[in-house]
Amino acid sequence: MTMSQTASVTPGALWTGRGLSALIVLFMIFDGVIKLPPLDVVTQTMVQLGWPADPNVSRMLGIIGLVSTALYAVPRTSVLGAILLTAYLGGAIATHIRIGSLLFSHTLFGVYLGFILWGGLFLRNPKVRALILLNR
């Protein structure tokens, strides 16, 4: 079997994948943009999470998130973007575990986003489908 036979993308899967990916991109753009200016709500939340109240720290996190999101949104670099966003979400999960956040609403939120992120990529990218669908 060729890759096109094992990993073809139907129009429904393609549009579902694009929709899931769009949700992640919109969420991450919001997340990154609010970290750029020194907003009190961001600074206060960073302190609650154990991060310094330094606006430069939140700006750097915002830039990392936005660059990773841009890479995810571009088809040629979407896998690299997904890997970087997975690492970014892993940091958020680790932060919530460290401070003892609620499990299902806060700590696992990054896991939920990761499933949506990779699900969207899986549904819209036949190469990712071929890689993940090792046995048919």
Protein backbone atom coordinates (compact mmCIF):
# COMPACT_ATOMS: atom_id res chain seq x y z
CA MET A 1 0.00 0.00 0.00
CA THR A 2 1.20 3.47 -0.78
CA MET A 3 1.10 6.37 1.64
CA SER A 4 -1.86 7.86 -0.24
CA GLN A 5 -3.86 4.67 0.29
CA THR A 6 -3.11 4.40 4.00
CA ALA A 7 -3.20 8.06 4.92
CA SER A 8 -5.56 9.79 2.51
CA VAL A 9 -7.46 12.74 3.92
CA THR A 10 -11.15 13.00 3.17
CA PRO A 11 -12.68 16.47 2.72
CA GLY A 12 -14.56 16.05 6.01
CA ALA A 13 -11.40 15.12 7.90
CA LEU A 14 -9.49 17.96 6.25
CA TRP A 15 -12.07 20.59 7.27
CA THR A 16 -12.43 19.14 10.76
CA GLY A 17 -8.65 19.25 11.13
CA ARG A 18 -8.56 22.82 9.89
CA GLY A 19 -11.30 23.77 12.34
CA LEU A 20 -9.50 22.17 15.30
CA SER A 21 -6.23 23.78 14.25
CA ALA A 22 -7.95 27.16 13.89
CA LEU A 23 -9.25 26.86 17.48
CA ILE A 24 -5.71 26.24 18.73
CA VAL A 25 -4.26 29.06 16.63
CA LEU A 26 -6.89 31.55 17.84
CA PHE A 27 -6.46 30.52 21.48
CA MET A 28 -2.66 30.70 21.28
CA ILE A 29 -2.75 34.10 19.52
CA PHE A 30 -4.92 35.42 22.36
CA ASP A 31 -2.63 33.79 24.94
CA GLY A 32 0.49 35.27 23.34
CA VAL A 33 -0.87 38.75 22.65
CA ILE A 34 -2.09 39.35 26.21
CA LYS A 35 1.41 38.55 27.47
CA LEU A 36 3.09 41.27 25.38
CA PRO A 37 1.96 44.45 27.20
CA PRO A 38 2.50 44.65 30.96
CA LEU A 39 -1.14 43.91 31.92
CA ASP A 40 -1.88 43.65 35.65
CA VAL A 41 -3.99 40.51 35.19
CA VAL A 42 -1.10 38.75 33.45
CA THR A 43 1.45 39.88 36.05
CA GLN A 44 -0.81 38.80 38.93
CA THR A 45 -1.46 35.42 37.33
CA MET A 46 2.26 34.89 36.69
CA VAL A 47 2.97 35.53 40.38
CA GLN A 48 0.22 33.08 41.43
CA LEU A 49 1.86 30.49 39.19
CA GLY A 50 5.24 31.05 40.81
CA TRP A 51 6.78 33.11 38.02
CA PRO A 52 8.44 36.49 38.64
CA ALA A 53 6.36 39.68 38.28
CA ASP A 54 8.74 40.79 35.51
CA PRO A 55 6.90 41.90 32.33
CA ASN A 56 9.90 40.74 30.29
CA VAL A 57 9.30 37.14 31.38
CA SER A 58 5.68 37.22 30.26
CA ARG A 59 6.70 38.98 27.02
CA MET A 60 9.24 36.25 26.28
CA LEU A 61 6.63 33.55 26.94
CA GLY A 62 4.21 35.41 24.67
CA ILE A 63 6.76 35.65 21.88
CA ILE A 64 7.68 31.97 22.18
CA GLY A 65 4.00 31.03 22.05
CA LEU A 66 3.29 33.28 19.06
CA VAL A 67 6.30 32.08 17.05
CA SER A 68 5.41 28.45 17.76
CA THR A 69 1.80 29.15 16.77
CA ALA A 70 2.87 30.81 13.52
CA LEU A 71 4.98 27.76 12.68
CA TYR A 72 2.00 25.49 13.45
CA ALA A 73 -0.32 27.55 11.24
CA VAL A 74 1.93 27.31 8.16
CA PRO A 75 1.51 23.89 6.47
CA ARG A 76 5.22 23.49 5.61
CA THR A 77 6.29 24.04 9.24
CA SER A 78 3.19 22.73 11.05
CA VAL A 79 4.90 19.66 12.53
CA LEU A 80 7.74 21.76 13.98
CA GLY A 81 5.14 24.19 15.35
CA ALA A 82 3.20 21.30 16.90
CA ILE A 83 6.35 20.00 18.59
CA LEU A 84 7.21 23.45 19.96
CA LEU A 85 3.63 24.06 21.15
CA THR A 86 3.64 20.65 22.82
CA ALA A 87 6.77 21.67 24.73
CA TYR A 88 5.17 25.01 25.64
CA LEU A 89 2.05 23.25 26.92
CA GLY A 90 4.24 20.80 28.83
CA GLY A 91 5.76 23.73 30.68
CA ALA A 92 2.29 24.99 31.56
CA ILE A 93 1.28 21.52 32.80
CA ALA A 94 4.45 21.26 34.91
CA THR A 95 3.78 24.71 36.41
CA HIS A 96 0.25 23.71 37.40
CA ILE A 97 1.43 20.41 38.89
CA ARG A 98 4.11 22.22 40.90
CA ILE A 99 1.65 24.64 42.51
CA GLY A 100 -1.06 22.02 43.04
CA SER A 101 -3.71 23.42 40.69
CA LEU A 102 -7.01 21.64 40.20
CA LEU A 103 -6.42 18.55 38.07
CA PHE A 104 -9.19 18.52 35.47
CA SER A 105 -9.71 22.26 34.97
CA HIS A 106 -6.18 23.67 35.20
CA THR A 107 -3.45 21.03 35.22
CA LEU A 108 -4.87 18.91 32.38
CA PHE A 109 -5.94 21.92 30.28
CA GLY A 110 -2.62 21.73 28.43
CA VAL A 111 -3.25 18.05 27.74
CA TYR A 112 -6.67 18.89 26.28
CA LEU A 113 -5.09 21.55 24.07
CA GLY A 114 -2.39 19.10 23.02
CA PHE A 115 -4.97 16.55 21.91
CA ILE A 116 -6.81 19.20 19.90
CA LEU A 117 -3.52 20.48 18.44
CA TRP A 118 -2.29 17.05 17.32
CA GLY A 119 -5.79 15.91 16.36
CA GLY A 120 -6.15 18.88 14.04
CA LEU A 121 -2.76 18.21 12.50
CA PHE A 122 -3.49 14.48 12.19
CA LEU A 123 -6.75 15.16 10.37
CA ARG A 124 -5.33 17.73 7.95
CA ASN A 125 -1.86 16.35 7.22
CA PRO A 126 -1.53 13.02 5.37
CA LYS A 127 2.16 12.69 6.31
CA VAL A 128 1.31 12.88 10.01
CA ARG A 129 -1.48 10.34 9.47
CA ALA A 130 0.96 7.99 7.72
CA LEU A 131 3.47 8.39 10.54
CA ILE A 132 0.97 7.76 13.32
CA LEU A 133 -1.02 5.02 11.55
CA LEU A 134 1.79 2.49 11.57
CA ASN A 135 -0.50 -0.54 11.35
CA ARG A 136 -3.75 -0.62 9.49
